[in-house]
Each structure stands twice: as structure tokens, then as C-alpha cells.
N, C-alpha and C. Protein backbone atom coordinates (compact mmCIF):
# COMPACT_ATOMS: atom_id res chain seq x y z
N UNK A 1 0.96 -0.98 0.14
CA UNK A 1 0.10 -0.27 0.19
C UNK A 1 0.68 1.45 0.05
N UNK A 2 0.45 2.04 -0.48
CA UNK A 2 1.17 3.63 -0.61
C UNK A 2 0.98 4.07 1.07
N UNK A 3 2.41 4.49 1.46
CA UNK A 3 2.56 5.65 2.16
C UNK A 3 1.88 6.71 2.56
N UNK A 4 1.53 7.66 3.60
CA UNK A 4 0.80 8.90 3.20
C UNK A 4 1.92 10.05 3.81
N UNK A 5 2.34 11.09 2.85
CA UNK A 5 3.22 11.92 3.44
C UNK A 5 2.91 12.47 5.08
N UNK A 6 1.75 12.09 5.74
CA UNK A 6 1.83 12.11 7.18
C UNK A 6 2.18 11.08 7.93
N UNK A 7 1.80 9.89 7.53
CA UNK A 7 2.29 8.51 7.55
C UNK A 7 3.81 8.40 7.64
N UNK A 8 4.60 9.33 6.40
CA UNK A 8 5.96 9.15 6.07
C UNK A 8 6.83 9.95 7.59
N UNK A 9 6.41 11.24 7.85
CA UNK A 9 6.78 12.07 8.74
C UNK A 9 6.56 11.62 9.85
N UNK A 10 5.62 10.98 10.04
CA UNK A 10 5.42 10.67 11.60
C UNK A 10 6.31 9.28 12.31
N UNK A 11 6.98 8.56 11.01
CA UNK A 11 7.38 7.46 11.38
C UNK A 11 8.57 6.94 10.85
N UNK A 12 8.88 7.84 9.71
CA UNK A 12 10.39 7.70 9.02
C UNK A 12 11.24 8.53 10.00
N UNK A 13 12.93 7.53 9.64
CA UNK A 13 13.78 8.22 10.34
C UNK A 13 14.37 9.31 9.87
N UNK A 14 14.24 9.38 8.54
CA UNK A 14 15.27 10.19 7.64
C UNK A 14 14.58 10.68 6.36
N UNK A 15 14.88 10.49 5.23
CA UNK A 15 13.81 11.55 3.94
C UNK A 15 13.18 10.45 3.23
N UNK A 16 12.32 10.24 2.42
CA UNK A 16 11.94 9.51 1.50
C UNK A 16 11.21 10.66 0.03
N UNK A 17 11.77 9.62 -1.03
CA UNK A 17 11.22 9.99 -2.23
C UNK A 17 10.47 8.72 -2.95
N UNK A 18 9.50 9.39 -3.58
CA UNK A 18 8.73 7.96 -4.31
C UNK A 18 8.31 8.44 -5.26
N UNK A 19 8.84 8.30 -6.64
CA UNK A 19 8.87 8.70 -8.17
C UNK A 19 9.05 10.34 -8.75
N UNK A 20 9.92 10.56 -7.71
CA UNK A 20 10.70 11.96 -8.14
C UNK A 20 9.95 12.69 -6.92
N UNK A 21 8.57 12.34 -6.38
CA UNK A 21 8.13 13.43 -5.54
C UNK A 21 9.02 12.93 -3.52
N UNK A 22 9.00 13.53 -2.95
CA UNK A 22 9.58 14.21 -1.61
C UNK A 22 8.13 14.25 -0.95
N UNK A 23 8.58 12.77 -0.32
CA UNK A 23 7.68 12.52 0.96
C UNK A 23 8.01 12.67 2.14
N UNK A 24 8.79 12.72 2.53
CA UNK A 24 9.68 13.59 3.75
C UNK A 24 11.36 14.04 3.57
N UNK A 25 10.90 15.17 4.33
CA UNK A 25 12.46 16.20 3.73
C UNK A 25 13.22 15.96 4.99
N UNK A 26 13.18 15.74 6.38
CA UNK A 26 13.66 16.06 7.46
C UNK A 26 14.24 14.30 7.73
N UNK A 27 15.15 14.90 9.17
CA UNK A 27 15.98 13.66 9.24
C UNK A 27 15.64 13.77 10.76
N UNK A 28 15.67 12.50 11.48
CA UNK A 28 15.77 12.19 12.79
C UNK A 28 16.59 13.00 13.74
N UNK A 29 17.97 12.52 13.29
CA UNK A 29 18.91 13.06 13.94
C UNK A 29 20.27 12.69 13.59
N UNK A 30 21.42 13.34 13.73
CA UNK A 30 22.55 13.51 12.99
C UNK A 30 22.84 12.72 12.29
N UNK A 31 22.98 11.26 12.75
CA UNK A 31 23.37 10.07 12.30
C UNK A 31 23.12 9.81 10.88
N UNK A 32 21.87 10.07 10.67
CA UNK A 32 20.89 9.58 9.34
C UNK A 32 21.46 10.22 8.17
N UNK A 33 21.20 9.06 6.94
CA UNK A 33 22.12 9.35 5.40
C UNK A 33 21.02 9.42 4.63
N UNK A 34 21.32 9.00 3.52
CA UNK A 34 20.48 8.65 2.71
C UNK A 34 20.90 7.93 1.61
N UNK A 35 20.04 6.97 0.95
CA UNK A 35 20.55 6.64 -0.64
C UNK A 35 19.11 6.85 -1.27
N UNK A 36 20.05 7.15 -2.59
CA UNK A 36 18.90 7.34 -3.32
C UNK A 36 19.68 6.90 -4.81
N UNK A 37 18.31 7.08 -5.83
CA UNK A 37 18.86 6.89 -7.20
C UNK A 37 18.46 8.39 -8.03
N UNK A 38 19.11 8.46 -8.28
CA UNK A 38 18.99 10.18 -8.74
C UNK A 38 18.13 9.93 -10.22
N UNK A 39 18.04 11.39 -11.00
CA UNK A 39 16.79 11.47 -11.95
C UNK A 39 17.95 10.89 -13.36
N UNK A 40 19.54 11.36 -12.81
CA UNK A 40 20.30 10.24 -14.16
C UNK A 40 20.25 8.54 -14.40
N UNK A 41 19.62 8.23 -13.39
CA UNK A 41 20.08 6.60 -13.05
C UNK A 41 20.93 6.32 -12.11
N UNK A 42 22.36 7.33 -11.87
CA UNK A 42 23.05 6.77 -10.79
C UNK A 42 22.24 6.94 -9.80
N UNK A 43 23.08 5.63 -8.80
CA UNK A 43 23.04 5.74 -7.25
C UNK A 43 23.96 6.70 -6.43
N UNK A 44 23.00 6.80 -5.33
CA UNK A 44 24.18 7.80 -4.39
C UNK A 44 24.24 7.21 -2.99
N UNK A 45 25.22 7.57 -2.03
CA UNK A 45 25.16 7.27 -1.05
C UNK A 45 25.12 8.42 -0.69
N UNK A 46 24.65 9.38 0.35
CA UNK A 46 25.28 10.74 1.05
C UNK A 46 24.68 11.15 2.41
N UNK A 47 25.40 12.31 2.83
CA UNK A 47 25.07 12.57 4.07
C UNK A 47 24.04 13.54 4.24
N UNK A 48 23.90 13.99 4.89
CA UNK A 48 22.47 15.39 5.17
C UNK A 48 23.25 16.22 4.46
N UNK A 49 24.27 17.11 4.29
CA UNK A 49 24.75 18.09 3.84
C UNK A 49 24.72 17.85 2.53
N UNK A 50 25.13 16.69 2.06
CA UNK A 50 25.23 16.68 0.59
C UNK A 50 23.81 16.19 0.02
N UNK A 51 23.14 15.50 0.94
CA UNK A 51 21.65 15.87 0.09
C UNK A 51 20.66 17.03 0.18
N UNK A 52 21.20 17.91 1.00
CA UNK A 52 20.82 19.58 0.73
C UNK A 52 21.25 20.00 -0.64
N UNK A 53 22.49 19.19 -0.95
CA UNK A 53 22.70 20.19 -2.09
C UNK A 53 22.19 19.86 -3.78
N UNK A 54 22.03 18.32 -3.41
CA UNK A 54 21.28 17.62 -4.99
C UNK A 54 20.02 17.09 -4.71
N UNK A 55 18.71 17.46 -4.09
CA UNK A 55 18.25 17.16 -3.40
C UNK A 55 16.69 17.01 -4.49
N UNK A 56 17.20 18.41 -5.39
CA UNK A 56 15.70 18.39 -6.46
C UNK A 56 16.05 17.43 -7.87
N UNK A 57 17.58 16.62 -7.84
CA UNK A 57 17.93 15.48 -8.45
C UNK A 57 17.41 14.29 -8.54
N UNK A 58 16.61 13.81 -7.07
CA UNK A 58 16.28 12.64 -7.01
C UNK A 58 15.29 12.19 -7.47
N UNK A 59 15.58 10.82 -7.77
CA UNK A 59 13.87 10.10 -8.31
C UNK A 59 13.76 9.07 -7.18
N UNK A 60 14.22 8.43 -6.24
CA UNK A 60 13.83 7.40 -5.19
C UNK A 60 14.83 7.76 -4.18
N UNK A 61 14.29 7.59 -2.73
CA UNK A 61 15.30 7.85 -1.98
C UNK A 61 14.92 7.63 -0.48
N UNK A 62 15.84 6.76 -0.05
CA UNK A 62 15.06 6.23 1.44
C UNK A 62 16.37 6.83 2.82
N UNK A 63 15.89 7.10 3.85
CA UNK A 63 16.51 7.31 4.60
C UNK A 63 17.41 6.30 5.29
N UNK A 64 18.55 6.34 5.57
CA UNK A 64 19.41 5.21 6.27
C UNK A 64 20.44 5.93 7.71
N UNK A 65 20.89 5.09 7.96
CA UNK A 65 21.61 5.54 9.72
C UNK A 65 23.25 5.55 9.50
N UNK A 66 23.90 4.93 10.31
CA UNK A 66 24.89 5.17 10.13
C UNK A 66 26.35 5.12 8.85
N UNK A 67 26.94 5.76 8.48
CA UNK A 67 27.99 5.39 7.25
C UNK A 67 29.04 4.13 7.83
N UNK A 68 28.58 3.21 6.99
CA UNK A 68 29.49 2.01 7.20
C UNK A 68 30.54 1.74 6.35
N UNK A 69 30.61 2.87 5.16
CA UNK A 69 31.89 2.69 4.42
C UNK A 69 31.79 4.00 3.68
N UNK A 70 32.95 4.80 3.89
CA UNK A 70 33.33 6.01 3.21
C UNK A 70 34.09 6.24 2.29
N UNK A 71 34.03 6.76 0.85
CA UNK A 71 35.32 6.87 0.06
C UNK A 71 36.23 5.95 0.24
N UNK A 72 35.29 4.55 0.28
CA UNK A 72 36.38 3.14 -0.21
C UNK A 72 37.17 2.72 1.31
N UNK A 73 36.57 3.61 2.59
CA UNK A 73 37.58 3.43 3.68
C UNK A 73 36.07 2.70 4.85
N UNK A 74 36.56 1.92 5.47
CA UNK A 74 35.67 1.52 6.26
C UNK A 74 35.42 2.66 7.68
N UNK A 75 34.42 2.89 7.77
CA UNK A 75 34.46 3.71 9.19
C UNK A 75 35.00 3.16 10.64
N UNK A 76 34.94 3.93 11.71
CA UNK A 76 35.32 3.17 13.03
C UNK A 76 34.21 3.30 14.04
N UNK A 77 33.15 3.42 13.13
CA UNK A 77 31.75 3.67 13.87
C UNK A 77 31.30 2.42 14.78
N UNK A 78 31.80 1.73 16.20
CA UNK A 78 30.97 0.77 16.71
C UNK A 78 29.86 0.74 17.69
N UNK A 79 29.29 -0.60 17.58
CA UNK A 79 28.39 -0.20 18.65
C UNK A 79 28.49 -1.52 19.63
N UNK A 80 29.34 -2.56 19.48
CA UNK A 80 29.55 -3.30 19.90
C UNK A 80 28.38 -4.37 20.11
N UNK A 81 27.87 -4.78 19.27
CA UNK A 81 26.64 -5.17 19.49
C UNK A 81 26.42 -6.15 17.81
N UNK A 82 26.44 -7.28 18.22
CA UNK A 82 26.26 -8.11 16.97
C UNK A 82 24.51 -8.45 16.69
N UNK A 83 24.03 -7.66 15.51
CA UNK A 83 22.49 -7.97 15.71
C UNK A 83 21.80 -8.32 14.22
N UNK A 84 21.26 -8.50 13.91
CA UNK A 84 20.82 -8.54 12.27
C UNK A 84 20.72 -7.04 11.59
N UNK A 85 21.41 -6.94 10.84
CA UNK A 85 21.22 -5.70 9.49
C UNK A 85 21.00 -6.13 8.36
N UNK A 86 20.35 -4.23 8.08
CA UNK A 86 20.33 -4.24 6.40
C UNK A 86 21.23 -3.53 5.92
N UNK A 87 22.16 -3.42 5.32
CA UNK A 87 23.25 -2.13 4.47
C UNK A 87 23.09 -2.09 3.16
N UNK A 88 23.35 -0.91 2.66
CA UNK A 88 23.14 -0.62 1.22
C UNK A 88 25.03 -0.24 0.50
N UNK A 89 25.18 -0.33 -0.21
CA UNK A 89 26.74 0.19 -0.86
C UNK A 89 25.98 0.86 -2.37
N UNK A 90 27.37 1.39 -2.87
CA UNK A 90 27.51 1.91 -4.12
C UNK A 90 28.58 1.67 -4.57
N UNK A 91 28.63 1.68 -6.00
CA UNK A 91 29.96 1.35 -6.39
C UNK A 91 30.79 2.95 -6.26
N UNK A 92 31.80 2.94 -6.93
CA UNK A 92 32.61 4.52 -7.15
C UNK A 92 31.99 5.26 -8.42
N UNK A 93 31.94 4.16 -9.19
CA UNK A 93 30.96 5.00 -10.17
C UNK A 93 29.55 5.38 -10.38
N UNK A 94 29.24 4.78 -9.02
CA UNK A 94 27.73 5.10 -8.75
C UNK A 94 26.62 4.45 -9.67
N UNK A 95 27.08 2.99 -10.36
CA UNK A 95 26.11 2.72 -11.27
C UNK A 95 26.12 1.17 -10.94
N UNK A 96 26.71 0.21 -9.22
CA UNK A 96 26.40 -0.56 -9.32
C UNK A 96 25.80 -0.44 -7.56
N UNK A 97 24.53 -0.82 -7.56
CA UNK A 97 24.07 -0.74 -5.85
C UNK A 97 24.07 -2.69 -5.59
N UNK A 98 24.70 -2.74 -4.44
CA UNK A 98 24.74 -3.86 -2.90
C UNK A 98 23.95 -3.71 -2.20
N UNK A 99 23.00 -4.88 -2.01
CA UNK A 99 22.26 -4.39 -1.06
C UNK A 99 22.56 -6.04 0.08
N UNK A 100 22.72 -5.82 1.50
CA UNK A 100 23.42 -6.84 2.08
C UNK A 100 22.22 -7.03 3.46
N UNK A 101 21.70 -7.99 3.56
CA UNK A 101 20.76 -8.80 4.72
C UNK A 101 21.84 -9.30 5.17
N UNK A 102 22.02 -9.59 6.71
CA UNK A 102 22.39 -10.29 7.60
C UNK A 102 21.84 -10.75 8.65
N UNK A 103 21.09 -11.87 8.96
CA UNK A 103 20.43 -12.22 9.75
C UNK A 103 21.44 -12.46 11.55
N UNK A 104 20.46 -12.69 12.45
CA UNK A 104 21.71 -12.76 13.31
C UNK A 104 20.55 -12.73 14.48
N UNK A 105 21.22 -13.17 15.96
CA UNK A 105 20.12 -13.49 16.92
C UNK A 105 19.82 -15.23 17.15
N UNK A 106 20.28 -16.08 16.27
CA UNK A 106 20.84 -17.69 16.47
C UNK A 106 21.86 -18.22 16.24
N UNK A 107 22.52 -18.21 17.40
CA UNK A 107 24.11 -18.82 16.91
C UNK A 107 24.01 -20.11 15.88
N UNK A 108 23.08 -20.89 15.74
CA UNK A 108 23.59 -21.76 15.25
C UNK A 108 23.11 -21.28 13.77
N UNK A 109 22.87 -20.18 13.76
CA UNK A 109 22.75 -19.97 11.91
C UNK A 109 23.70 -18.84 11.97
N UNK A 110 23.05 -17.78 12.47
CA UNK A 110 24.01 -16.27 12.05
C UNK A 110 23.73 -15.37 13.58
N UNK A 111 25.09 -14.67 13.58
CA UNK A 111 24.83 -13.98 15.06
C UNK A 111 24.95 -12.77 14.87
N UNK A 112 25.01 -12.33 13.47
CA UNK A 112 24.44 -11.22 13.57
C UNK A 112 25.45 -9.61 13.02
N UNK A 113 25.90 -9.07 12.94
CA UNK A 113 27.06 -8.19 12.74
C UNK A 113 27.48 -7.04 13.20
N UNK A 114 28.29 -6.17 13.40
CA UNK A 114 28.68 -4.57 14.03
C UNK A 114 28.91 -3.90 12.79
N UNK A 115 28.63 -3.01 12.83
CA UNK A 115 28.81 -1.87 11.69
C UNK A 115 30.01 -1.71 10.84
N UNK A 116 31.44 -2.14 11.45
CA UNK A 116 32.58 -2.07 10.99
C UNK A 116 32.68 -3.52 9.89
N UNK A 117 31.91 -4.52 10.29
CA UNK A 117 32.04 -5.97 9.50
C UNK A 117 31.16 -5.67 8.33
N UNK A 118 29.70 -5.01 8.67
CA UNK A 118 28.99 -4.46 7.03
C UNK A 118 29.68 -3.50 6.44
N UNK A 119 30.92 -3.06 6.58
CA UNK A 119 31.52 -1.65 5.65
C UNK A 119 32.73 -2.55 4.79
N UNK A 120 32.84 -3.69 5.91
CA UNK A 120 34.38 -4.57 4.98
C UNK A 120 33.29 -5.43 4.44
N UNK A 121 32.38 -6.00 4.50
CA UNK A 121 31.60 -7.25 3.29
C UNK A 121 31.21 -6.22 2.29
N UNK A 122 30.66 -4.82 2.71
CA UNK A 122 30.22 -4.37 1.34
C UNK A 122 31.37 -3.89 0.18
N UNK A 123 32.46 -3.60 0.80
CA UNK A 123 33.87 -3.00 0.16
C UNK A 123 34.41 -4.15 -0.23
N UNK A 124 34.48 -5.42 0.10
CA UNK A 124 34.87 -6.93 -0.79
C UNK A 124 33.77 -7.03 -1.73
N UNK A 125 32.50 -6.66 -1.45
CA UNK A 125 31.85 -7.01 -2.66
C UNK A 125 31.92 -5.64 -3.93
N UNK A 126 32.05 -4.69 -3.32
CA UNK A 126 32.47 -3.78 -4.71
C UNK A 126 32.40 -2.14 -4.13
N UNK A 127 31.58 -2.16 -3.50
CA UNK A 127 31.20 -0.69 -3.14
C UNK A 127 32.56 0.01 -2.55
N UNK A 128 31.83 1.59 -2.51
CA UNK A 128 32.80 2.37 -2.32
C UNK A 128 31.97 3.31 -0.77
N UNK A 129 30.86 3.26 -1.06
CA UNK A 129 30.37 3.74 -0.26
C UNK A 129 29.05 2.95 0.56
N UNK A 130 29.06 3.20 1.77
CA UNK A 130 27.42 2.13 2.15
C UNK A 130 27.10 2.94 3.26
N UNK A 131 26.28 2.40 4.11
CA UNK A 131 25.48 2.71 5.09
C UNK A 131 24.99 1.75 5.76
N UNK A 132 24.11 1.88 6.56
CA UNK A 132 23.40 0.45 7.81
C UNK A 132 21.86 1.02 7.29
N UNK A 133 21.20 0.72 7.33
CA UNK A 133 19.35 0.91 7.23
C UNK A 133 18.85 0.60 8.69
N UNK A 134 19.24 -0.25 8.58
CA UNK A 134 18.33 -0.91 9.81
C UNK A 134 18.38 -2.60 10.09
N UNK A 135 17.78 -2.83 11.29
CA UNK A 135 18.18 -4.39 11.98
C UNK A 135 17.00 -4.75 12.21
N UNK A 136 17.33 -5.60 12.98
CA UNK A 136 16.71 -6.67 13.86
C UNK A 136 15.59 -7.02 13.34
N UNK A 137 14.48 -7.60 13.42
CA UNK A 137 13.17 -7.67 12.85
C UNK A 137 12.73 -6.94 11.30
N UNK A 138 13.46 -5.81 11.47
CA UNK A 138 13.06 -5.31 10.35
C UNK A 138 14.09 -5.79 9.01
N UNK A 139 15.03 -6.19 9.45
CA UNK A 139 15.60 -6.92 8.33
C UNK A 139 15.35 -8.28 7.49
N UNK A 140 14.58 -7.94 6.58
CA UNK A 140 13.63 -8.92 5.81
C UNK A 140 13.69 -8.53 4.73
N UNK A 141 14.29 -9.80 3.97
CA UNK A 141 14.63 -9.99 2.55
C UNK A 141 13.79 -11.43 1.85
N UNK A 142 12.75 -10.93 0.94
CA UNK A 142 11.77 -11.53 0.25
C UNK A 142 11.84 -11.30 -0.94
N UNK A 143 11.62 -12.28 -1.77
CA UNK A 143 11.23 -12.54 -3.44
C UNK A 143 9.68 -12.74 -3.79
N UNK A 144 9.74 -12.11 -4.52
CA UNK A 144 8.28 -12.57 -5.73
C UNK A 144 7.81 -14.00 -6.25
N UNK A 145 7.17 -14.46 -5.79
CA UNK A 145 6.76 -15.84 -6.00
C UNK A 145 5.36 -15.75 -6.31
N UNK A 146 5.30 -16.50 -7.55
CA UNK A 146 3.91 -16.94 -8.48
C UNK A 146 2.38 -16.82 -6.84
N UNK A 147 1.72 -15.46 -6.80
CA UNK A 147 0.67 -15.38 -5.62
C UNK A 147 1.17 -14.54 -4.65
N UNK A 148 2.68 -14.43 -4.50
CA UNK A 148 3.02 -13.60 -3.34
C UNK A 148 4.39 -13.64 -3.32
N UNK A 149 5.10 -13.83 -1.91
CA UNK A 149 6.28 -13.65 -1.87
C UNK A 149 6.74 -15.02 -1.37
N UNK A 150 8.39 -15.21 -1.26
CA UNK A 150 9.03 -15.65 -0.11
C UNK A 150 9.47 -15.18 0.60
N UNK A 151 9.88 -15.49 1.54
CA UNK A 151 10.70 -14.92 2.55
C UNK A 151 12.08 -16.01 2.60
N UNK A 152 13.25 -15.35 2.21
CA UNK A 152 14.55 -16.04 2.06
C UNK A 152 15.65 -15.89 3.16
N UNK A 153 15.12 -15.13 4.63
CA UNK A 153 16.02 -15.28 5.45
C UNK A 153 15.43 -15.57 6.18
N UNK A 154 16.06 -15.04 7.53
CA UNK A 154 15.07 -15.74 9.39
C UNK A 154 15.14 -14.00 10.19
N UNK A 155 14.11 -12.97 9.94
CA UNK A 155 14.06 -11.95 10.51
C UNK A 155 13.83 -12.39 12.01
N UNK A 156 14.48 -12.10 13.04
CA UNK A 156 14.19 -12.09 14.81
C UNK A 156 14.22 -10.83 15.50
N UNK A 157 13.35 -11.01 16.00
CA UNK A 157 13.47 -9.68 16.99
C UNK A 157 14.30 -9.67 18.67
N UNK A 158 13.98 -11.29 18.72
CA UNK A 158 14.97 -11.33 20.05
C UNK A 158 15.86 -12.63 20.06
N UNK A 159 16.99 -13.25 20.84
CA UNK A 159 17.86 -13.82 20.61
C UNK A 159 16.91 -15.38 21.05
N UNK A 160 17.29 -15.82 19.67
CA UNK A 160 16.60 -17.24 19.69
C UNK A 160 14.95 -17.19 19.86
N UNK A 161 14.82 -16.08 19.49
CA UNK A 161 12.76 -16.03 19.16
C UNK A 161 12.92 -16.64 17.72
N UNK A 162 11.43 -16.67 17.39
CA UNK A 162 10.82 -17.47 16.16
C UNK A 162 10.99 -16.45 15.04
N UNK A 163 10.72 -17.07 13.88
CA UNK A 163 11.29 -16.03 12.57
C UNK A 163 10.06 -15.01 12.97
N UNK A 164 10.05 -13.63 12.19
CA UNK A 164 9.28 -12.79 12.96
C UNK A 164 8.99 -11.85 11.80
N UNK A 165 7.71 -11.81 10.93
CA UNK A 165 7.96 -11.00 10.08
C UNK A 165 7.20 -9.62 10.38
N UNK A 166 7.55 -8.60 10.49
CA UNK A 166 7.21 -7.16 11.18
C UNK A 166 6.92 -6.40 10.21
N UNK A 167 5.60 -5.98 10.24
CA UNK A 167 5.46 -4.51 9.55
C UNK A 167 6.28 -3.41 9.47
N UNK A 168 6.73 -2.73 8.56
CA UNK A 168 7.51 -1.36 8.57
C UNK A 168 7.04 -0.37 7.55
N UNK A 169 7.43 0.51 8.09
CA UNK A 169 7.38 1.74 7.38
C UNK A 169 7.26 1.56 5.72
N UNK A 170 8.45 1.47 5.88
CA UNK A 170 9.18 1.59 4.37
C UNK A 170 10.25 0.52 3.95
N UNK A 171 10.69 0.69 2.51
CA UNK A 171 11.26 -0.61 2.52
C UNK A 171 12.17 -0.58 1.03
N UNK A 172 12.63 -1.24 0.55
CA UNK A 172 13.34 -1.06 -0.80
C UNK A 172 12.70 -2.22 -1.88
N UNK A 173 12.63 -2.10 -2.84
CA UNK A 173 12.13 -2.84 -3.84
C UNK A 173 12.53 -3.23 -5.65
N UNK A 174 13.28 -4.63 -5.83
CA UNK A 174 14.30 -4.15 -7.02
C UNK A 174 13.29 -4.67 -7.85
N UNK A 175 12.60 -3.80 -9.11
CA UNK A 175 12.04 -4.71 -10.32
C UNK A 175 12.67 -4.20 -11.33
N UNK A 176 12.39 -5.70 -12.20
CA UNK A 176 13.27 -5.41 -13.91
C UNK A 176 11.85 -4.77 -14.20
N UNK A 177 12.77 -3.81 -15.60
CA UNK A 177 11.93 -3.60 -16.45
C UNK A 177 12.13 -4.01 -17.53
């Protein structure tokens, strides 16, 4: 379902654009970042100050959290906690997007990751810049199947808890045209 501008402003941590229309143009706090597809088709990871200089050129965007990879250098931001994570990276030429989902909270399956681990994985996969989007039970990966969607990871809200498909305010969809 489509999210209303009012709902976006009340629930989203950062900016949101859909089909070139800005649904939310402010940030929850100084750690918020942006992943965007620009009107020229390139992808960008950016800070709040960079965003303010290019916001008129954005086609699609979603707010993110901590930078984990900046200009090819893994950031030192740590939270000393392995958790499920969702991250996104962009190559130096801005033509390749890497989406990373790491399960966690189930030691016999996956322990999760700290932010520097996300940065290192994104870099190894060809990213030049990358951000943490969200984590926990929000880190869900599904693929389209006839008649619906198939869950492809094991999202968990608590340690060794059940697999939980949690409702979230926004997300990313990769669509083949």
C-alpha cells in the first residue's frame, strides 16, 4: 500500500522520495544518511549536507543510519553489538548497488554483525560508500513468487526467538523492467 506523507513524517527516521516526489524532507538525528537513485539513473549514498545540495535531482530515496563505508574506507563507528542488519552500498562509479541482509540472534544460524563488519563486506562486494539502513526484525528479504512473496532470510526480534515478519514503514523493491 502507498504510504501517506503524514505517515512518513511521523514514522520515518530520514528522507523518503517516491517517483521524484519528496514524501519527507527532514532527518530524525545527525546520524541519518540517504540512499538515492538520481534522475540520471545513478545511485548515491550521502550525508545530510550532501543531500541538501542535490535533493532536486532525486528520483527515489530512503533514509538510512550510520555510514559504514566512506570513499572506500571502512568507518570506525562501533556499537559493540552483533545484530541482524540491512545495509546498502554503491560502487565508486555509482552504477552498481549492493544490498546486504545479515541475519542474527540465532547462534546456530547467524550471530549478526557490528557496523565495521558491514563496511568490510560491502567493500569486498565492490561498494565504495555504504550505510546501515536498519536491523533486528526489520531486516527482511523476500522475493516475488507466483501468488505472493517468499521469505529468504530468518528475521528475529529477540535472541533465539521465532522468525518474525514485522510490518515496516518503508523498504526497497528491486523491479526488473
